[in-house]
């Protein structure tokens, strides 16, 4: 969807959807989350459906260079959604 809408990127930004891959390829996509912070070295993201089958939400801090990060999708948030 994001690629078709030209809203995919390799550079993380607050509010992006993060796509994770087991093998660095689309065929290995296995999880998504939402980016809530980015600094010079790390991307911070959270995702649900984690925690041993209990559907917990968990926060993560990964190096931007982590090979499991496949891509980011940038939703077209409205001004009202950003407020």
N, C-alpha and C. Protein backbone atom coordinates (compact mmCIF):
# COMPACT_ATOMS: atom_id res chain seq x y z
N UNK A 1 0.82 -1.19 0.00
CA UNK A 1 0.00 0.00 0.00
C UNK A 1 0.87 1.26 0.00
N UNK A 2 1.81 1.33 0.96
CA UNK A 2 2.65 2.52 1.06
C UNK A 2 3.51 2.72 -0.18
N UNK A 3 4.00 1.63 -0.72
CA UNK A 3 4.82 1.73 -1.93
C UNK A 3 3.98 2.24 -3.11
N UNK A 4 2.78 1.69 -3.26
CA UNK A 4 1.90 2.10 -4.35
C UNK A 4 1.52 3.58 -4.23
N UNK A 5 1.42 4.07 -3.01
CA UNK A 5 1.07 5.48 -2.77
C UNK A 5 2.30 6.38 -2.67
N UNK A 6 3.47 5.79 -2.91
CA UNK A 6 4.76 6.50 -2.80
C UNK A 6 4.93 7.12 -1.41
N UNK A 7 4.57 6.34 -0.39
CA UNK A 7 4.67 6.78 1.00
C UNK A 7 5.60 5.84 1.78
N UNK A 8 6.47 5.10 1.08
CA UNK A 8 7.43 4.22 1.75
C UNK A 8 8.79 4.92 1.77
N UNK A 9 9.60 4.58 2.77
CA UNK A 9 10.89 5.24 2.93
C UNK A 9 11.83 4.32 3.71
N UNK A 10 13.10 4.63 3.65
CA UNK A 10 14.09 3.90 4.44
C UNK A 10 14.58 4.74 5.62
N UNK A 11 14.03 5.93 5.76
CA UNK A 11 14.42 6.83 6.85
C UNK A 11 13.26 6.98 7.82
N UNK A 12 13.50 6.61 9.06
CA UNK A 12 12.45 6.62 10.08
C UNK A 12 12.06 8.04 10.47
N UNK A 13 10.76 8.20 10.77
CA UNK A 13 10.21 9.47 11.21
C UNK A 13 9.10 9.15 12.21
N UNK A 14 8.92 10.04 13.18
CA UNK A 14 7.86 9.88 14.17
C UNK A 14 6.51 9.64 13.48
N UNK A 15 5.80 8.60 13.90
CA UNK A 15 4.50 8.29 13.33
C UNK A 15 4.52 7.29 12.20
N UNK A 16 5.69 6.92 11.72
CA UNK A 16 5.79 5.94 10.63
C UNK A 16 5.36 4.55 11.11
N UNK A 17 4.95 3.73 10.15
CA UNK A 17 4.75 2.31 10.39
C UNK A 17 6.09 1.65 10.08
N UNK A 18 6.58 0.83 10.99
CA UNK A 18 7.83 0.10 10.77
C UNK A 18 7.49 -1.32 10.35
N UNK A 19 8.15 -1.80 9.30
CA UNK A 19 7.96 -3.16 8.81
C UNK A 19 9.21 -3.96 9.11
N UNK A 20 9.03 -5.10 9.75
CA UNK A 20 10.16 -5.93 10.17
C UNK A 20 10.20 -7.22 9.36
N UNK A 21 11.41 -7.64 9.05
CA UNK A 21 11.64 -8.82 8.24
C UNK A 21 12.64 -9.74 8.93
N UNK A 22 12.41 -11.02 8.84
CA UNK A 22 13.35 -11.99 9.42
C UNK A 22 14.62 -12.09 8.59
N UNK A 23 14.50 -11.84 7.27
CA UNK A 23 15.64 -12.06 6.38
C UNK A 23 16.03 -10.83 5.56
N UNK A 24 15.49 -9.66 5.89
CA UNK A 24 15.81 -8.45 5.14
C UNK A 24 15.11 -8.36 3.79
N UNK A 25 14.17 -9.28 3.54
CA UNK A 25 13.44 -9.30 2.27
C UNK A 25 11.94 -9.29 2.55
N UNK A 26 11.21 -8.83 1.56
CA UNK A 26 9.75 -8.76 1.71
C UNK A 26 9.15 -10.13 2.03
N UNK A 27 9.73 -11.19 1.49
CA UNK A 27 9.20 -12.54 1.73
C UNK A 27 9.29 -12.94 3.19
N UNK A 28 10.11 -12.23 3.96
CA UNK A 28 10.26 -12.57 5.36
C UNK A 28 9.57 -11.61 6.31
N UNK A 29 8.66 -10.75 5.78
CA UNK A 29 7.97 -9.79 6.64
C UNK A 29 7.17 -10.53 7.71
N UNK A 30 7.29 -10.09 8.97
CA UNK A 30 6.60 -10.80 10.03
C UNK A 30 5.96 -9.93 11.08
N UNK A 31 6.24 -8.62 11.09
CA UNK A 31 5.66 -7.81 12.16
C UNK A 31 5.69 -6.34 11.76
N UNK A 32 4.80 -5.57 12.36
CA UNK A 32 4.77 -4.13 12.14
C UNK A 32 4.62 -3.43 13.48
N UNK A 33 4.94 -2.16 13.50
CA UNK A 33 4.78 -1.36 14.70
C UNK A 33 4.69 0.11 14.31
N UNK A 34 4.66 0.97 15.31
CA UNK A 34 4.58 2.41 15.10
C UNK A 34 5.81 3.08 15.72
N UNK A 35 6.47 3.92 14.95
CA UNK A 35 7.65 4.65 15.42
C UNK A 35 7.17 5.80 16.31
N UNK A 36 7.70 5.89 17.54
CA UNK A 36 7.31 6.98 18.43
C UNK A 36 8.46 7.93 18.75
N UNK A 37 9.68 7.59 18.32
CA UNK A 37 10.82 8.46 18.55
C UNK A 37 11.97 8.01 17.65
N UNK A 38 12.78 8.98 17.22
CA UNK A 38 13.96 8.69 16.41
C UNK A 38 15.06 9.63 16.89
N UNK A 39 16.27 9.09 17.08
CA UNK A 39 17.41 9.96 17.36
C UNK A 39 18.52 9.62 16.38
N UNK A 40 19.70 10.14 16.60
CA UNK A 40 20.79 9.96 15.64
C UNK A 40 21.16 8.50 15.43
N UNK A 41 20.98 7.66 16.45
CA UNK A 41 21.45 6.28 16.40
C UNK A 41 20.33 5.23 16.42
N UNK A 42 19.21 5.57 17.07
CA UNK A 42 18.16 4.57 17.32
C UNK A 42 16.81 4.96 16.75
N UNK A 43 16.01 3.93 16.49
CA UNK A 43 14.59 4.11 16.20
C UNK A 43 13.84 3.43 17.35
N UNK A 44 12.87 4.12 17.89
CA UNK A 44 12.06 3.63 19.00
C UNK A 44 10.67 3.35 18.45
N UNK A 45 10.17 2.15 18.70
CA UNK A 45 8.88 1.79 18.15
C UNK A 45 8.14 0.89 19.13
N UNK A 46 6.84 0.82 18.95
CA UNK A 46 6.03 -0.05 19.79
C UNK A 46 5.08 -0.84 18.92
N UNK A 47 4.71 -2.00 19.44
CA UNK A 47 3.82 -2.88 18.70
C UNK A 47 2.99 -3.69 19.67
N UNK A 48 1.84 -4.08 19.21
CA UNK A 48 0.96 -4.92 20.01
C UNK A 48 1.12 -6.38 19.64
N UNK A 49 0.30 -7.19 20.26
CA UNK A 49 0.30 -8.63 19.99
C UNK A 49 1.62 -9.27 20.37
N UNK A 50 2.20 -8.78 21.45
CA UNK A 50 3.45 -9.32 21.96
C UNK A 50 3.25 -9.76 23.40
N UNK A 51 4.19 -10.44 23.94
CA UNK A 51 4.13 -10.82 25.35
C UNK A 51 3.60 -12.21 25.60
N UNK A 52 4.06 -13.17 24.85
CA UNK A 52 3.72 -14.57 25.13
C UNK A 52 2.26 -14.92 24.92
N UNK A 53 1.65 -14.36 23.89
CA UNK A 53 0.28 -14.72 23.57
C UNK A 53 -0.77 -13.93 24.33
N UNK A 54 -0.35 -12.93 25.07
CA UNK A 54 -1.30 -12.15 25.85
C UNK A 54 -1.68 -10.84 25.17
N UNK A 55 -1.17 -10.58 23.99
CA UNK A 55 -1.53 -9.39 23.24
C UNK A 55 -1.01 -8.09 23.82
N UNK A 56 0.05 -8.16 24.58
CA UNK A 56 0.59 -6.97 25.23
C UNK A 56 1.22 -6.03 24.21
N UNK A 57 1.28 -4.75 24.59
CA UNK A 57 2.00 -3.75 23.80
C UNK A 57 3.39 -3.62 24.39
N UNK A 58 4.40 -3.63 23.52
CA UNK A 58 5.78 -3.58 23.98
C UNK A 58 6.54 -2.51 23.23
N UNK A 59 7.40 -1.78 23.94
CA UNK A 59 8.25 -0.77 23.31
C UNK A 59 9.61 -1.37 23.00
N UNK A 60 10.22 -0.88 21.91
CA UNK A 60 11.51 -1.38 21.45
C UNK A 60 12.44 -0.22 21.14
N UNK A 61 13.73 -0.45 21.28
CA UNK A 61 14.78 0.50 20.91
C UNK A 61 15.80 -0.27 20.09
N UNK A 62 15.85 0.02 18.81
CA UNK A 62 16.75 -0.70 17.91
C UNK A 62 17.68 0.29 17.23
N UNK A 63 18.89 -0.17 16.93
CA UNK A 63 19.79 0.61 16.08
C UNK A 63 19.12 0.80 14.72
N UNK A 64 19.30 1.95 14.14
CA UNK A 64 18.73 2.21 12.82
C UNK A 64 19.26 1.25 11.77
N UNK A 65 20.44 0.70 12.00
CA UNK A 65 21.07 -0.21 11.04
C UNK A 65 20.66 -1.67 11.22
N UNK A 66 19.74 -1.95 12.13
CA UNK A 66 19.29 -3.32 12.37
C UNK A 66 18.77 -3.93 11.07
N UNK A 67 19.32 -5.06 10.69
CA UNK A 67 18.98 -5.70 9.41
C UNK A 67 17.54 -6.20 9.37
N UNK A 68 16.88 -6.32 10.51
CA UNK A 68 15.49 -6.77 10.53
C UNK A 68 14.51 -5.68 10.14
N UNK A 69 14.98 -4.43 10.09
CA UNK A 69 14.11 -3.34 9.66
C UNK A 69 14.06 -3.36 8.14
N UNK A 70 12.88 -3.65 7.61
CA UNK A 70 12.72 -3.76 6.16
C UNK A 70 12.44 -2.39 5.52
N UNK A 71 11.51 -1.64 6.09
CA UNK A 71 11.13 -0.35 5.52
C UNK A 71 10.21 0.37 6.50
N UNK A 72 9.88 1.60 6.13
CA UNK A 72 8.92 2.39 6.88
C UNK A 72 7.84 2.87 5.92
N UNK A 73 6.63 2.94 6.42
CA UNK A 73 5.52 3.50 5.66
C UNK A 73 5.08 4.79 6.35
N UNK A 74 4.88 5.82 5.56
CA UNK A 74 4.52 7.11 6.14
C UNK A 74 3.05 7.40 5.87
N UNK A 75 2.19 7.21 6.88
CA UNK A 75 0.77 7.53 6.70
C UNK A 75 0.58 9.02 6.40
N UNK A 76 -0.47 9.33 5.71
CA UNK A 76 -0.79 10.73 5.42
C UNK A 76 -1.75 11.19 6.52
N UNK A 77 -1.17 11.54 7.66
CA UNK A 77 -1.97 11.99 8.78
C UNK A 77 -2.60 13.35 8.47
N UNK A 78 -3.81 13.53 8.95
CA UNK A 78 -4.46 14.82 8.80
C UNK A 78 -3.97 15.75 9.90
N UNK A 79 -4.20 17.02 9.72
CA UNK A 79 -3.80 18.00 10.74
C UNK A 79 -4.50 17.70 12.06
N UNK A 80 -5.75 17.26 12.01
CA UNK A 80 -6.50 16.94 13.23
C UNK A 80 -5.88 15.75 13.95
N UNK A 81 -5.39 14.78 13.19
CA UNK A 81 -4.79 13.59 13.80
C UNK A 81 -3.46 13.92 14.48
N UNK A 82 -2.77 14.91 13.97
CA UNK A 82 -1.46 15.27 14.53
C UNK A 82 -1.60 16.11 15.79
N UNK A 83 -2.75 16.67 16.02
CA UNK A 83 -2.95 17.56 17.19
C UNK A 83 -3.11 16.79 18.48
